[in-house]
Amino acid sequence: MVLKKDILYAWQDDQHDHEACVASATSKAQEICLKKGARLTPIRQRVLELVWGSHKPVGAYEILDEIKSEHKSSAPPTVYRALDFLMEHGFVHRIQSLNAYIGCSDPGHIYKGIILICNKCSRVLEVEDKSVSGSIKSFASKLGFELSTQSVEATGLCPGCQA
């Protein structure tokens, strides 16, 4: 069960240490890759760090601009391949409606969640509610549709922007 105090904490402003988030995400990704026998190459790790640099969605070309400042010869396929790897292993999520990416708060977990996007400050909160994912699965099943993935995106105003 998600508690209101936990939700309000999750929506707090950007005053916390993003470097701690980046370090934690990188450490978890390295651990998961080691267990799965996958390679978290330097470019994949750098893309992961850039996605986790804030809790706001980041586009592939924003990532590319930063990568190019470090490695002049980088091209879009380099970033997209890294993002594909990171999504495949559950380290980042693609926000379809924004064509952008956000770090996964529970890497390695099969994601069936809800992404809440603030229209004003662009913060994103990833939450999971088994009743919602169960309802979607049940509805799809009634229609004879076999789900392979599911994602719900909702936009509105976070608690801080409602004031």
Protein backbone atom coordinates (compact mmCIF):
# COMPACT_ATOMS: atom_id res chain seq x y z
CA MET A 1 0.00 0.00 0.00
CA VAL A 2 1.29 3.45 -0.91
CA LEU A 3 1.07 5.95 1.93
CA LYS A 4 0.25 9.61 1.33
CA LYS A 5 3.43 10.70 3.17
CA ASP A 6 5.50 8.54 0.78
CA ILE A 7 3.83 10.12 -2.25
CA LEU A 8 4.39 13.64 -0.95
CA TYR A 9 8.05 12.77 -0.28
CA ALA A 10 8.40 11.48 -3.83
CA TRP A 11 7.06 14.75 -5.24
CA GLN A 12 9.39 16.92 -3.15
CA ASP A 13 11.45 19.56 -4.88
CA ASP A 14 14.86 19.03 -6.41
CA GLN A 15 16.77 19.96 -3.25
CA HIS A 16 17.95 16.40 -2.62
CA ASP A 17 21.27 15.07 -3.86
CA HIS A 18 20.83 13.79 -7.42
CA GLU A 19 24.38 12.43 -7.34
CA ALA A 20 23.22 9.92 -4.72
CA CYS A 21 20.42 8.84 -7.08
CA VAL A 22 22.90 8.51 -9.96
CA ALA A 23 25.34 6.49 -7.82
CA SER A 24 22.59 4.20 -6.55
CA ALA A 25 21.15 3.61 -10.05
CA THR A 26 24.61 2.89 -11.46
CA SER A 27 25.48 0.51 -8.64
CA LYS A 28 22.19 -1.41 -9.03
CA ALA A 29 22.65 -1.58 -12.81
CA GLN A 30 26.19 -2.95 -12.43
CA GLU A 31 24.97 -5.56 -9.95
CA ILE A 32 22.08 -6.67 -12.18
CA CYS A 33 24.29 -6.79 -15.28
CA LEU A 34 26.83 -8.91 -13.41
CA LYS A 35 24.09 -11.38 -12.40
CA LYS A 36 22.67 -11.53 -15.94
CA GLY A 37 26.01 -11.66 -17.70
CA ALA A 38 25.26 -8.40 -19.51
CA ARG A 39 27.77 -5.61 -20.13
CA LEU A 40 27.21 -2.14 -18.76
CA THR A 41 29.66 -0.48 -21.14
CA PRO A 42 31.02 2.98 -20.37
CA ILE A 43 28.62 4.60 -22.87
CA ARG A 44 25.62 2.73 -21.43
CA GLN A 45 26.64 3.76 -17.94
CA ARG A 46 27.07 7.38 -19.02
CA VAL A 47 23.62 7.42 -20.64
CA LEU A 48 22.17 5.94 -17.44
CA GLU A 49 23.90 8.67 -15.41
CA LEU A 50 22.49 11.38 -17.69
CA VAL A 51 18.97 9.98 -17.43
CA TRP A 52 19.27 9.93 -13.63
CA GLY A 53 20.78 13.44 -13.51
CA SER A 54 17.39 14.83 -12.49
CA HIS A 55 13.95 13.40 -11.92
CA LYS A 56 12.66 14.95 -15.10
CA PRO A 57 12.27 13.26 -18.47
CA VAL A 58 15.23 13.63 -20.81
CA GLY A 59 15.15 13.23 -24.58
CA ALA A 60 17.61 11.18 -26.60
CA TYR A 61 18.97 14.26 -28.36
CA GLU A 62 19.54 16.02 -25.02
CA ILE A 63 21.57 12.98 -24.00
CA LEU A 64 23.37 13.02 -27.35
CA ASP A 65 24.31 16.70 -26.92
CA GLU A 66 25.93 15.91 -23.57
CA ILE A 67 27.65 12.79 -24.91
CA LYS A 68 28.97 14.77 -27.91
CA SER A 69 30.53 17.31 -25.55
CA GLU A 70 32.56 14.41 -24.13
CA HIS A 71 32.98 12.28 -27.29
CA LYS A 72 32.80 14.41 -30.44
CA SER A 73 32.21 11.49 -32.83
CA SER A 74 29.07 10.21 -31.05
CA ALA A 75 25.97 9.82 -33.21
CA PRO A 76 22.25 9.19 -32.52
CA PRO A 77 22.49 5.38 -32.99
CA THR A 78 25.02 5.24 -30.15
CA VAL A 79 22.55 6.82 -27.73
CA TYR A 80 19.55 4.86 -29.00
CA ARG A 81 21.40 1.54 -28.70
CA ALA A 82 22.37 2.43 -25.13
CA LEU A 83 18.78 3.45 -24.30
CA ASP A 84 17.45 0.21 -25.83
CA PHE A 85 19.83 -1.80 -23.64
CA LEU A 86 18.86 0.19 -20.54
CA MET A 87 15.13 -0.28 -21.24
CA GLU A 88 15.55 -3.99 -22.02
CA HIS A 89 17.18 -4.51 -18.63
CA GLY A 90 14.65 -2.38 -16.74
CA PHE A 91 16.99 0.49 -15.84
CA VAL A 92 15.02 3.23 -17.63
CA HIS A 93 11.50 3.74 -18.96
CA ARG A 94 10.44 5.50 -22.12
CA ILE A 95 7.70 8.03 -21.62
CA GLN A 96 5.81 7.58 -24.87
CA SER A 97 3.83 10.81 -24.72
CA LEU A 98 6.98 12.92 -24.29
CA ASN A 99 9.36 10.80 -26.38
CA ALA A 100 11.70 10.98 -23.39
CA TYR A 101 13.27 8.72 -20.77
CA ILE A 102 13.23 8.49 -16.99
CA GLY A 103 15.21 6.31 -14.60
CA CYS A 104 13.45 3.26 -13.16
CA SER A 105 13.05 3.42 -9.41
CA ASP A 106 13.00 -0.39 -9.13
CA PRO A 107 15.51 -1.70 -11.71
CA GLY A 108 15.26 -5.29 -12.78
CA HIS A 109 11.59 -5.44 -11.78
CA ILE A 110 9.02 -6.17 -14.48
CA TYR A 111 7.31 -2.83 -14.80
CA LYS A 112 3.54 -2.59 -14.94
CA GLY A 113 3.15 0.83 -13.46
CA ILE A 114 1.77 4.27 -13.83
CA ILE A 115 3.85 7.28 -14.78
CA LEU A 116 2.52 10.57 -13.41
CA ILE A 117 3.84 13.63 -15.24
CA CYS A 118 3.49 17.17 -13.88
CA ASN A 119 2.50 19.56 -16.68
CA LYS A 120 4.06 22.53 -14.90
CA CYS A 121 7.42 21.46 -13.45
CA SER A 122 7.93 18.31 -15.58
CA ARG A 123 8.66 16.09 -12.58
CA VAL A 124 7.74 12.48 -13.07
CA LEU A 125 6.68 9.92 -10.49
CA GLU A 126 6.66 6.21 -11.21
CA VAL A 127 4.17 4.25 -9.11
CA GLU A 128 2.73 0.77 -9.24
CA ASP A 129 -0.79 -0.19 -8.30
CA LYS A 130 -1.54 -3.87 -8.76
CA SER A 131 -5.28 -3.21 -8.98
CA VAL A 132 -4.74 -0.93 -12.00
CA SER A 133 -2.37 -3.32 -13.77
CA GLY A 134 -4.70 -6.21 -12.92
CA SER A 135 -7.69 -4.36 -14.35
CA ILE A 136 -5.82 -3.64 -17.58
CA LYS A 137 -4.72 -7.27 -17.89
CA SER A 138 -8.24 -8.53 -17.16
CA PHE A 139 -9.84 -6.14 -19.65
CA ALA A 140 -7.33 -7.07 -22.36
CA SER A 141 -7.89 -10.77 -21.66
CA LYS A 142 -11.68 -10.36 -22.01
CA LEU A 143 -11.03 -8.92 -25.47
CA GLY A 144 -8.80 -11.86 -26.36
CA PHE A 145 -5.72 -9.66 -26.27
CA GLU A 146 -2.51 -11.02 -24.79
CA LEU A 147 -0.46 -8.25 -23.18
CA SER A 148 3.27 -8.18 -23.64
CA THR A 149 3.83 -4.88 -21.82
CA GLN A 150 1.70 -2.25 -20.21
CA SER A 151 2.26 1.33 -19.23
CA VAL A 152 -0.11 4.06 -18.15
CA GLU A 153 0.86 7.72 -18.40
CA ALA A 154 -1.16 10.42 -16.70
CA THR A 155 -0.56 14.17 -16.75
CA GLY A 156 -1.65 16.80 -14.26
CA LEU A 157 -0.20 18.89 -11.46
CA CYS A 158 2.01 17.59 -8.66
CA PRO A 159 1.26 18.71 -5.08
CA GLY A 160 3.90 21.46 -5.24
CA CYS A 161 2.49 22.97 -8.43
CA GLN A 162 -1.10 22.94 -7.22
CA ALA A 163 -0.36 25.66 -4.68
